[in-house]
């Protein structure tokens, strides 16, 4: 499953995943946003791996935000933007319009 979200005034975030037994599996987060240090992406991905696929955007965003260590720079998207891309992947939508 693939979902995309273009953060208003920001960058594109893409999420690829599969769903198994009601859980997110094989999650990959990518895009043209800026993230430093680079290994913070592993923490974001790990926060989504195994998550309940029925979680709403708010709960997914909380998981992502909780995985971002203090001092990490995330520019061009947000935990909410990543969560929207996850929900779009689960819904089979690939919109980039920022809505």
PDB file of N, CA and C in Angstrom:
ATOM      1  N   UNK A   1       0.847  -1.167   0.000  1.00  0.00           N
ATOM      2  CA  UNK A   1       0.000   0.000   0.000  1.00  0.00           C
ATOM      3  C   UNK A   1       0.897   1.237   0.000  1.00  0.00           C
ATOM      4  N   UNK A   2       0.448   2.254  -0.679  1.00  0.00           N
ATOM      5  CA  UNK A   2       1.245   3.475  -0.829  1.00  0.00           C
ATOM      6  C   UNK A   2       0.356   4.680  -0.566  1.00  0.00           C
ATOM      7  N   UNK A   3       0.836   5.613   0.239  1.00  0.00           N
ATOM      8  CA  UNK A   3       0.124   6.855   0.501  1.00  0.00           C
ATOM      9  C   UNK A   3       1.075   8.028   0.439  1.00  0.00           C
ATOM     10  N   UNK A   4       0.553   9.160  -0.017  1.00  0.00           N
ATOM     11  CA  UNK A   4       1.357  10.378  -0.131  1.00  0.00           C
ATOM     12  C   UNK A   4       0.603  11.544   0.483  1.00  0.00           C
ATOM     13  N   UNK A   5       1.372  12.516   0.958  1.00  0.00           N
ATOM     14  CA  UNK A   5       0.790  13.753   1.466  1.00  0.00           C
ATOM     15  C   UNK A   5       1.797  14.871   1.268  1.00  0.00           C
ATOM     16  N   UNK A   6       1.346  15.951   0.641  1.00  0.00           N
ATOM     17  CA  UNK A   6       2.187  17.134   0.485  1.00  0.00           C
ATOM     18  C   UNK A   6       1.774  18.123   1.558  1.00  0.00           C
ATOM     19  N   UNK A   7       2.665  18.343   2.483  1.00  0.00           N
ATOM     20  CA  UNK A   7       2.405  19.259   3.577  1.00  0.00           C
ATOM     21  C   UNK A   7       2.222  20.662   3.012  1.00  0.00           C
ATOM     22  N   UNK A   8       1.138  21.364   3.366  1.00  0.00           N
ATOM     23  CA  UNK A   8       0.949  22.725   2.854  1.00  0.00           C
ATOM     24  C   UNK A   8       2.177  23.590   3.144  1.00  0.00           C
ATOM     25  N   UNK A   9       2.739  24.177   2.108  1.00  0.00           N
ATOM     26  CA  UNK A   9       3.930  24.997   2.256  1.00  0.00           C
ATOM     27  C   UNK A   9       5.180  24.186   2.541  1.00  0.00           C
ATOM     28  N   UNK A  10       5.061  22.883   2.435  1.00  0.00           N
ATOM     29  CA  UNK A  10       6.191  22.014   2.775  1.00  0.00           C
ATOM     30  C   UNK A  10       6.516  21.033   1.675  1.00  0.00           C
ATOM     31  N   UNK A  11       6.873  19.863   2.066  1.00  0.00           N
ATOM     32  CA  UNK A  11       7.400  18.847   1.162  1.00  0.00           C
ATOM     33  C   UNK A  11       6.493  17.625   1.117  1.00  0.00           C
ATOM     34  N   UNK A  12       6.828  16.731   0.200  1.00  0.00           N
ATOM     35  CA  UNK A  12       6.091  15.499   0.019  1.00  0.00           C
ATOM     36  C   UNK A  12       6.597  14.426   0.981  1.00  0.00           C
ATOM     37  N   UNK A  13       5.671  13.734   1.619  1.00  0.00           N
ATOM     38  CA  UNK A  13       6.004  12.576   2.440  1.00  0.00           C
ATOM     39  C   UNK A  13       5.273  11.377   1.842  1.00  0.00           C
ATOM     40  N   UNK A  14       5.971  10.246   1.757  1.00  0.00           N
ATOM     41  CA  UNK A  14       5.399   9.018   1.200  1.00  0.00           C
ATOM     42  C   UNK A  14       5.565   7.903   2.215  1.00  0.00           C
ATOM     43  N   UNK A  15       4.549   7.057   2.286  1.00  0.00           N
ATOM     44  CA  UNK A  15       4.595   5.901   3.174  1.00  0.00           C
ATOM     45  C   UNK A  15       4.176   4.675   2.376  1.00  0.00           C
ATOM     46  N   UNK A  16       5.001   3.653   2.448  1.00  0.00           N
ATOM     47  CA  UNK A  16       4.682   2.354   1.869  1.00  0.00           C
ATOM     48  C   UNK A  16       4.582   1.371   3.024  1.00  0.00           C
ATOM     49  N   UNK A  17       3.589   0.514   2.964  1.00  0.00           N
ATOM     50  CA  UNK A  17       3.378  -0.451   4.032  1.00  0.00           C
ATOM     51  C   UNK A  17       2.487  -1.565   3.536  1.00  0.00           C
ATOM     52  N   UNK A  18       2.380  -2.568   4.367  1.00  0.00           N
ATOM     53  CA  UNK A  18       1.356  -3.577   4.150  1.00  0.00           C
ATOM     54  C   UNK A  18       0.646  -3.759   5.474  1.00  0.00           C
ATOM     55  N   UNK A  19      -0.522  -4.343   5.392  1.00  0.00           N
ATOM     56  CA  UNK A  19      -1.324  -4.591   6.582  1.00  0.00           C
ATOM     57  C   UNK A  19      -1.466  -6.095   6.758  1.00  0.00           C
ATOM     58  N   UNK A  20      -1.190  -6.584   7.947  1.00  0.00           N
ATOM     59  CA  UNK A  20      -1.336  -8.004   8.248  1.00  0.00           C
ATOM     60  C   UNK A  20      -1.886  -8.150   9.659  1.00  0.00           C
ATOM     61  N   UNK A  21      -2.939  -8.914   9.792  1.00  0.00           N
ATOM     62  CA  UNK A  21      -3.562  -9.149  11.101  1.00  0.00           C
ATOM     63  C   UNK A  21      -3.913  -7.850  11.802  1.00  0.00           C
ATOM     64  N   UNK A  22      -4.352  -6.846  11.024  1.00  0.00           N
ATOM     65  CA  UNK A  22      -4.765  -5.573  11.602  1.00  0.00           C
ATOM     66  C   UNK A  22      -3.634  -4.690  12.078  1.00  0.00           C
ATOM     67  N   UNK A  23      -2.414  -4.997  11.671  1.00  0.00           N
ATOM     68  CA  UNK A  23      -1.226  -4.241  12.091  1.00  0.00           C
ATOM     69  C   UNK A  23      -0.459  -3.733  10.885  1.00  0.00           C
ATOM     70  N   UNK A  24       0.252  -2.630  11.064  1.00  0.00           N
ATOM     71  CA  UNK A  24       1.112  -2.093  10.017  1.00  0.00           C
ATOM     72  C   UNK A  24       2.392  -2.923   9.970  1.00  0.00           C
ATOM     73  N   UNK A  25       2.792  -3.305   8.775  1.00  0.00           N
ATOM     74  CA  UNK A  25       3.989  -4.122   8.590  1.00  0.00           C
ATOM     75  C   UNK A  25       4.825  -3.562   7.440  1.00  0.00           C
ATOM     76  N   UNK A  26       6.125  -3.809   7.495  1.00  0.00           N
ATOM     77  CA  UNK A  26       7.055  -3.401   6.433  1.00  0.00           C
ATOM     78  C   UNK A  26       6.893  -1.922   6.084  1.00  0.00           C
ATOM     79  N   UNK A  27       6.837  -1.093   7.107  1.00  0.00           N
ATOM     80  CA  UNK A  27       6.623   0.347   6.924  1.00  0.00           C
ATOM     81  C   UNK A  27       7.895   1.009   6.409  1.00  0.00           C
ATOM     82  N   UNK A  28       7.741   1.833   5.386  1.00  0.00           N
ATOM     83  CA  UNK A  28       8.831   2.647   4.862  1.00  0.00           C
ATOM     84  C   UNK A  28       8.327   4.074   4.733  1.00  0.00           C
ATOM     85  N   UNK A  29       9.044   5.016   5.320  1.00  0.00           N
ATOM     86  CA  UNK A  29       8.716   6.435   5.233  1.00  0.00           C
ATOM     87  C   UNK A  29       9.798   7.104   4.399  1.00  0.00           C
ATOM     88  N   UNK A  30       9.396   7.879   3.406  1.00  0.00           N
ATOM     89  CA  UNK A  30      10.359   8.584   2.559  1.00  0.00           C
ATOM     90  C   UNK A  30       9.725   9.886   2.089  1.00  0.00           C
ATOM     91  N   UNK A  31      10.494  10.649   1.338  1.00  0.00           N
ATOM     92  CA  UNK A  31       9.981  11.901   0.794  1.00  0.00           C
ATOM     93  C   UNK A  31      11.089  12.902   0.589  1.00  0.00           C
ATOM     94  N   UNK A  32      10.696  14.117   0.275  1.00  0.00           N
ATOM     95  CA  UNK A  32      11.703  15.154   0.033  1.00  0.00           C
ATOM     96  C   UNK A  32      11.815  16.127   1.209  1.00  0.00           C
ATOM     97  N   UNK A  33      11.382  15.699   2.375  1.00  0.00           N
ATOM     98  CA  UNK A  33      11.528  16.494   3.592  1.00  0.00           C
ATOM     99  C   UNK A  33      12.949  16.339   4.126  1.00  0.00           C
ATOM    100  N   UNK A  34      13.307  17.162   5.098  1.00  0.00           N
ATOM    101  CA  UNK A  34      14.643  17.144   5.687  1.00  0.00           C
ATOM    102  C   UNK A  34      14.558  16.567   7.095  1.00  0.00           C
ATOM    103  N   UNK A  35      15.449  15.643   7.402  1.00  0.00           N
ATOM    104  CA  UNK A  35      15.481  15.025   8.716  1.00  0.00           C
ATOM    105  C   UNK A  35      16.938  14.857   9.140  1.00  0.00           C
ATOM    106  N   UNK A  36      17.269  15.399  10.317  1.00  0.00           N
ATOM    107  CA  UNK A  36      18.626  15.254  10.838  1.00  0.00           C
ATOM    108  C   UNK A  36      18.556  14.990  12.335  1.00  0.00           C
ATOM    109  N   UNK A  37      19.236  14.008  12.828  1.00  0.00           N
ATOM    110  CA  UNK A  37      20.131  13.096  12.122  1.00  0.00           C
ATOM    111  C   UNK A  37      19.339  12.075  11.300  1.00  0.00           C
ATOM    112  N   UNK A  38      20.012  11.532  10.292  1.00  0.00           N
ATOM    113  CA  UNK A  38      19.373  10.590   9.372  1.00  0.00           C
ATOM    114  C   UNK A  38      18.785   9.372  10.077  1.00  0.00           C
ATOM    115  N   UNK A  39      19.439   8.918  11.137  1.00  0.00           N
ATOM    116  CA  UNK A  39      18.943   7.709  11.807  1.00  0.00           C
ATOM    117  C   UNK A  39      17.624   7.940  12.546  1.00  0.00           C
ATOM    118  N   UNK A  40      17.178   9.170  12.619  1.00  0.00           N
ATOM    119  CA  UNK A  40      15.871   9.450  13.212  1.00  0.00           C
ATOM    120  C   UNK A  40      14.753   8.815  12.380  1.00  0.00           C
ATOM    121  N   UNK A  41      15.019   8.605  11.090  1.00  0.00           N
ATOM    122  CA  UNK A  41      14.028   7.960  10.230  1.00  0.00           C
ATOM    123  C   UNK A  41      13.761   6.534  10.702  1.00  0.00           C
ATOM    124  N   UNK A  42      14.793   5.857  11.190  1.00  0.00           N
ATOM    125  CA  UNK A  42      14.615   4.502  11.724  1.00  0.00           C
ATOM    126  C   UNK A  42      13.673   4.514  12.926  1.00  0.00           C
ATOM    127  N   UNK A  43      13.807   5.509  13.781  1.00  0.00           N
ATOM    128  CA  UNK A  43      12.944   5.620  14.957  1.00  0.00           C
ATOM    129  C   UNK A  43      11.498   5.899  14.554  1.00  0.00           C
ATOM    130  N   UNK A  44      11.316   6.747  13.551  1.00  0.00           N
ATOM    131  CA  UNK A  44       9.967   7.048  13.063  1.00  0.00           C
ATOM    132  C   UNK A  44       9.333   5.794  12.483  1.00  0.00           C
ATOM    133  N   UNK A  45      10.090   5.088  11.659  1.00  0.00           N
ATOM    134  CA  UNK A  45       9.583   3.850  11.059  1.00  0.00           C
ATOM    135  C   UNK A  45       9.244   2.831  12.147  1.00  0.00           C
ATOM    136  N   UNK A  46      10.116   2.680  13.121  1.00  0.00           N
ATOM    137  CA  UNK A  46       9.887   1.723  14.210  1.00  0.00           C
ATOM    138  C   UNK A  46       8.637   2.079  15.009  1.00  0.00           C
ATOM    139  N   UNK A  47       8.331   3.373  15.119  1.00  0.00           N
ATOM    140  CA  UNK A  47       7.149   3.786  15.876  1.00  0.00           C
ATOM    141  C   UNK A  47       5.856   3.374  15.181  1.00  0.00           C
ATOM    142  N   UNK A  48       5.936   3.172  13.872  1.00  0.00           N
ATOM    143  CA  UNK A  48       4.752   2.788  13.099  1.00  0.00           C
ATOM    144  C   UNK A  48       4.658   1.281  12.890  1.00  0.00           C
ATOM    145  N   UNK A  49       5.790   0.627  12.870  1.00  0.00           N
ATOM    146  CA  UNK A  49       5.827  -0.825  12.645  1.00  0.00           C
ATOM    147  C   UNK A  49       5.054  -1.543  13.745  1.00  0.00           C
ATOM    148  N   UNK A  50       4.086  -2.342  13.347  1.00  0.00           N
ATOM    149  CA  UNK A  50       3.289  -3.098  14.303  1.00  0.00           C
ATOM    150  C   UNK A  50       2.130  -2.334  14.905  1.00  0.00           C
ATOM    151  N   UNK A  51       1.981  -1.064  14.538  1.00  0.00           N
ATOM    152  CA  UNK A  51       0.871  -0.267  15.078  1.00  0.00           C
ATOM    153  C   UNK A  51      -0.465  -0.822  14.597  1.00  0.00           C
ATOM    154  N   UNK A  52      -1.484  -0.630  15.397  1.00  0.00           N
ATOM    155  CA  UNK A  52      -2.839  -1.037  15.042  1.00  0.00           C
ATOM    156  C   UNK A  52      -3.267  -0.232  13.814  1.00  0.00           C
ATOM    157  N   UNK A  53      -3.699  -0.919  12.783  1.00  0.00           N
ATOM    158  CA  UNK A  53      -4.081  -0.257  11.532  1.00  0.00           C
ATOM    159  C   UNK A  53      -5.347   0.577  11.666  1.00  0.00           C
ATOM    160  N   UNK A  54      -6.069   0.423  12.769  1.00  0.00           N
ATOM    161  CA  UNK A  54      -7.285   1.204  12.951  1.00  0.00           C
ATOM    162  C   UNK A  54      -7.044   2.535  13.663  1.00  0.00           C
ATOM    163  N   UNK A  55      -5.800   2.805  14.067  1.00  0.00           N
ATOM    164  CA  UNK A  55      -5.508   4.074  14.743  1.00  0.00           C
ATOM    165  C   UNK A  55      -5.834   5.249  13.827  1.00  0.00           C
ATOM    166  N   UNK A  56      -6.361   6.312  14.414  1.00  0.00           N
ATOM    167  CA  UNK A  56      -6.657   7.502  13.622  1.00  0.00           C
ATOM    168  C   UNK A  56      -5.393   8.347  13.449  1.00  0.00           C
ATOM    169  N   UNK A  57      -5.507   9.408  12.666  1.00  0.00           N
ATOM    170  CA  UNK A  57      -4.346  10.260  12.384  1.00  0.00           C
ATOM    171  C   UNK A  57      -3.725  10.820  13.654  1.00  0.00           C
ATOM    172  N   UNK A  58      -4.550  11.225  14.609  1.00  0.00           N
ATOM    173  CA  UNK A  58      -4.026  11.787  15.847  1.00  0.00           C
ATOM    174  C   UNK A  58      -3.164  10.802  16.623  1.00  0.00           C
ATOM    175  N   UNK A  59      -3.647   9.581  16.742  1.00  0.00           N
ATOM    176  CA  UNK A  59      -2.894   8.557  17.476  1.00  0.00           C
ATOM    177  C   UNK A  59      -1.612   8.186  16.740  1.00  0.00           C
ATOM    178  N   UNK A  60      -1.668   8.104  15.417  1.00  0.00           N
ATOM    179  CA  UNK A  60      -0.461   7.815  14.639  1.00  0.00           C
ATOM    180  C   UNK A  60       0.551   8.950  14.780  1.00  0.00           C
ATOM    181  N   UNK A  61       0.076  10.195  14.722  1.00  0.00           N
ATOM    182  CA  UNK A  61       0.964  11.354  14.866  1.00  0.00           C
ATOM    183  C   UNK A  61       1.630  11.352  16.239  1.00  0.00           C
ATOM    184  N   UNK A  62       0.890  10.954  17.287  1.00  0.00           N
ATOM    185  CA  UNK A  62       1.473  10.875  18.631  1.00  0.00           C
ATOM    186  C   UNK A  62       2.590   9.837  18.682  1.00  0.00           C
ATOM    187  N   UNK A  63       2.392   8.711  18.010  1.00  0.00           N
ATOM    188  CA  UNK A  63       3.437   7.673  17.978  1.00  0.00           C
ATOM    189  C   UNK A  63       4.696   8.212  17.307  1.00  0.00           C
ATOM    190  N   UNK A  64       4.501   8.902  16.172  1.00  0.00           N
ATOM    191  CA  UNK A  64       5.641   9.459  15.433  1.00  0.00           C
ATOM    192  C   UNK A  64       6.330  10.533  16.272  1.00  0.00           C
ATOM    193  N   UNK A  65       5.558  11.454  16.834  1.00  0.00           N
ATOM    194  CA  UNK A  65       6.143  12.534  17.640  1.00  0.00           C
ATOM    195  C   UNK A  65       6.931  11.969  18.818  1.00  0.00           C
ATOM    196  N   UNK A  66       6.423  10.915  19.432  1.00  0.00           N
ATOM    197  CA  UNK A  66       7.100  10.305  20.560  1.00  0.00           C
ATOM    198  C   UNK A  66       8.419   9.637  20.195  1.00  0.00           C
ATOM    199  N   UNK A  67       8.576   9.317  18.910  1.00  0.00           N
ATOM    200  CA  UNK A  67       9.801   8.655  18.444  1.00  0.00           C
ATOM    201  C   UNK A  67      10.892   9.648  18.047  1.00  0.00           C
ATOM    202  N   UNK A  68      10.535  10.908  17.948  1.00  0.00           N
ATOM    203  CA  UNK A  68      11.495  11.926  17.511  1.00  0.00           C
ATOM    204  C   UNK A  68      12.226  12.467  18.739  1.00  0.00           C
ATOM    205  N   UNK A  69      13.503  12.189  18.803  1.00  0.00           N
ATOM    206  CA  UNK A  69      14.316  12.596  19.948  1.00  0.00           C
ATOM    207  C   UNK A  69      14.470  14.114  20.009  1.00  0.00           C
ATOM    208  N   UNK A  70      14.602  14.660  21.221  1.00  0.00           N
ATOM    209  CA  UNK A  70      14.870  16.092  21.342  1.00  0.00           C
ATOM    210  C   UNK A  70      16.106  16.473  20.533  1.00  0.00           C
ATOM    211  N   UNK A  71      16.037  17.601  19.866  1.00  0.00           N
ATOM    212  CA  UNK A  71      17.152  18.075  19.061  1.00  0.00           C
ATOM    213  C   UNK A  71      17.112  17.615  17.617  1.00  0.00           C
ATOM    214  N   UNK A  72      16.198  16.701  17.292  1.00  0.00           N
ATOM    215  CA  UNK A  72      16.053  16.240  15.908  1.00  0.00           C
ATOM    216  C   UNK A  72      15.413  17.337  15.076  1.00  0.00           C
ATOM    217  N   UNK A  73      15.942  17.539  13.890  1.00  0.00           N
ATOM    218  CA  UNK A  73      15.365  18.519  12.970  1.00  0.00           C
ATOM    219  C   UNK A  73      14.503  17.793  11.953  1.00  0.00           C
ATOM    220  N   UNK A  74      13.228  18.143  11.909  1.00  0.00           N
ATOM    221  CA  UNK A  74      12.277  17.625  10.932  1.00  0.00           C
ATOM    222  C   UNK A  74      11.669  18.825  10.247  1.00  0.00           C
ATOM    223  N   UNK A  75      12.077  19.056   9.005  1.00  0.00           N
ATOM    224  CA  UNK A  75      11.637  20.241   8.262  1.00  0.00           C
ATOM    225  C   UNK A  75      10.924  19.823   6.989  1.00  0.00           C
ATOM    226  N   UNK A  76       9.824  20.465   6.696  1.00  0.00           N
ATOM    227  CA  UNK A  76       9.099  20.204   5.457  1.00  0.00           C
ATOM    228  C   UNK A  76       7.926  19.269   5.618  1.00  0.00           C
ATOM    229  N   UNK A  77       7.819  18.650   6.784  1.00  0.00           N
ATOM    230  CA  UNK A  77       6.651  17.837   7.126  1.00  0.00           C
ATOM    231  C   UNK A  77       6.543  17.814   8.640  1.00  0.00           C
ATOM    232  N   UNK A  78       5.663  16.980   9.146  1.00  0.00           N
ATOM    233  CA  UNK A  78       5.407  16.914  10.580  1.00  0.00           C
ATOM    234  C   UNK A  78       4.925  15.511  10.931  1.00  0.00           C
ATOM    235  N   UNK A  79       4.855  15.200  12.218  1.00  0.00           N
ATOM    236  CA  UNK A  79       4.261  13.916  12.583  1.00  0.00           C
ATOM    237  C   UNK A  79       2.845  13.760  12.032  1.00  0.00           C
ATOM    238  N   UNK A  80       2.112  14.861  11.994  1.00  0.00           N
ATOM    239  CA  UNK A  80       0.753  14.827  11.452  1.00  0.00           C
ATOM    240  C   UNK A  80       0.754  14.521   9.956  1.00  0.00           C
ATOM    241  N   UNK A  81       1.707  15.085   9.223  1.00  0.00           N
ATOM    242  CA  UNK A  81       1.817  14.818   7.792  1.00  0.00           C
ATOM    243  C   UNK A  81       2.138  13.362   7.514  1.00  0.00           C
ATOM    244  N   UNK A  82       3.012  12.781   8.326  1.00  0.00           N
ATOM    245  CA  UNK A  82       3.355  11.370   8.181  1.00  0.00           C
ATOM    246  C   UNK A  82       2.125  10.512   8.485  1.00  0.00           C
ATOM    247  N   UNK A  83       1.386  10.880   9.520  1.00  0.00           N
ATOM    248  CA  UNK A  83       0.181  10.136   9.884  1.00  0.00           C
ATOM    249  C   UNK A  83      -0.865  10.185   8.768  1.00  0.00           C
ATOM    250  N   UNK A  84      -1.012  11.330   8.132  1.00  0.00           N
ATOM    251  CA  UNK A  84      -1.961  11.449   7.019  1.00  0.00           C
ATOM    252  C   UNK A  84      -1.543  10.520   5.886  1.00  0.00           C
ATOM    253  N   UNK A  85      -0.252  10.469   5.591  1.00  0.00           N
ATOM    254  CA  UNK A  85       0.228   9.577   4.526  1.00  0.00           C
ATOM    255  C   UNK A  85      -0.042   8.115   4.879  1.00  0.00           C
ATOM    256  N   UNK A  86       0.098   7.752   6.146  1.00  0.00           N
ATOM    257  CA  UNK A  86      -0.207   6.382   6.576  1.00  0.00           C
ATOM    258  C   UNK A  86      -1.679   6.080   6.355  1.00  0.00           C
ATOM    259  N   UNK A  87      -2.553   6.965   6.809  1.00  0.00           N
ATOM    260  CA  UNK A  87      -3.994   6.744   6.651  1.00  0.00           C
ATOM    261  C   UNK A  87      -4.362   6.665   5.170  1.00  0.00           C
ATOM    262  N   UNK A  88      -3.721   7.480   4.335  1.00  0.00           N
ATOM    263  CA  UNK A  88      -3.996   7.423   2.895  1.00  0.00           C
ATOM    264  C   UNK A  88      -3.523   6.104   2.297  1.00  0.00           C
ATOM    265  N   UNK A  89      -2.405   5.596   2.769  1.00  0.00           N
ATOM    266  CA  UNK A  89      -1.944   4.293   2.286  1.00  0.00           C
ATOM    267  C   UNK A  89      -2.968   3.222   2.632  1.00  0.00           C
ATOM    268  N   UNK A  90      -3.461   3.266   3.848  1.00  0.00           N
ATOM    269  CA  UNK A  90      -4.436   2.278   4.285  1.00  0.00           C
ATOM    270  C   UNK A  90      -5.757   2.407   3.521  1.00  0.00           C
ATOM    271  N   UNK A  91      -6.076   3.627   3.099  1.00  0.00           N
ATOM    272  CA  UNK A  91      -7.312   3.861   2.356  1.00  0.00           C
ATOM    273  C   UNK A  91      -7.115   3.688   0.850  1.00  0.00           C
ATOM    274  N   UNK A  92      -5.856   3.478   0.429  1.00  0.00           N
ATOM    275  CA  UNK A  92      -5.576   3.313  -0.992  1.00  0.00           C
ATOM    276  C   UNK A  92      -5.596   4.613  -1.763  1.00  0.00           C
ATOM    277  N   UNK A  93      -5.275   5.722  -1.083  1.00  0.00           N
ATOM    278  CA  UNK A  93      -5.287   7.042  -1.730  1.00  0.00           C
ATOM    279  C   UNK A  93      -3.870   7.571  -1.863  1.00  0.00           C
ATOM    280  N   UNK A  94      -3.592   8.202  -2.998  1.00  0.00           N
ATOM    281  CA  UNK A  94      -2.263   8.765  -3.251  1.00  0.00           C
ATOM    282  C   UNK A  94      -2.372  10.233  -3.604  1.00  0.00           C
ATOM    283  N   UNK A  95      -3.026  11.011  -2.789  1.00  0.00           N
ATOM    284  CA  UNK A  95      -3.221  12.419  -3.086  1.00  0.00           C
ATOM    285  C   UNK A  95      -2.018  13.237  -2.655  1.00  0.00           C
ATOM    286  N   UNK A  96      -1.725  14.258  -3.433  1.00  0.00           N
ATOM    287  CA  UNK A  96      -0.620  15.158  -3.118  1.00  0.00           C
ATOM    288  C   UNK A  96      -1.097  16.591  -2.983  1.00  0.00           C
ATOM    289  N   UNK A  97      -2.403  16.786  -2.813  1.00  0.00           N
ATOM    290  CA  UNK A  97      -2.953  18.133  -2.877  1.00  0.00           C
ATOM    291  C   UNK A  97      -2.953  18.880  -1.567  1.00  0.00           C
ATOM    292  N   UNK A  98      -2.441  18.266  -0.503  1.00  0.00           N
ATOM    293  CA  UNK A  98      -2.397  18.958   0.778  1.00  0.00           C
ATOM    294  C   UNK A  98      -3.709  18.936   1.512  1.00  0.00           C
ATOM    295  N   UNK A  99      -4.687  18.181   1.024  1.00  0.00           N
ATOM    296  CA  UNK A  99      -5.971  18.136   1.728  1.00  0.00           C
ATOM    297  C   UNK A  99      -6.112  16.857   2.519  1.00  0.00           C
TER     298      UNK A  99
END
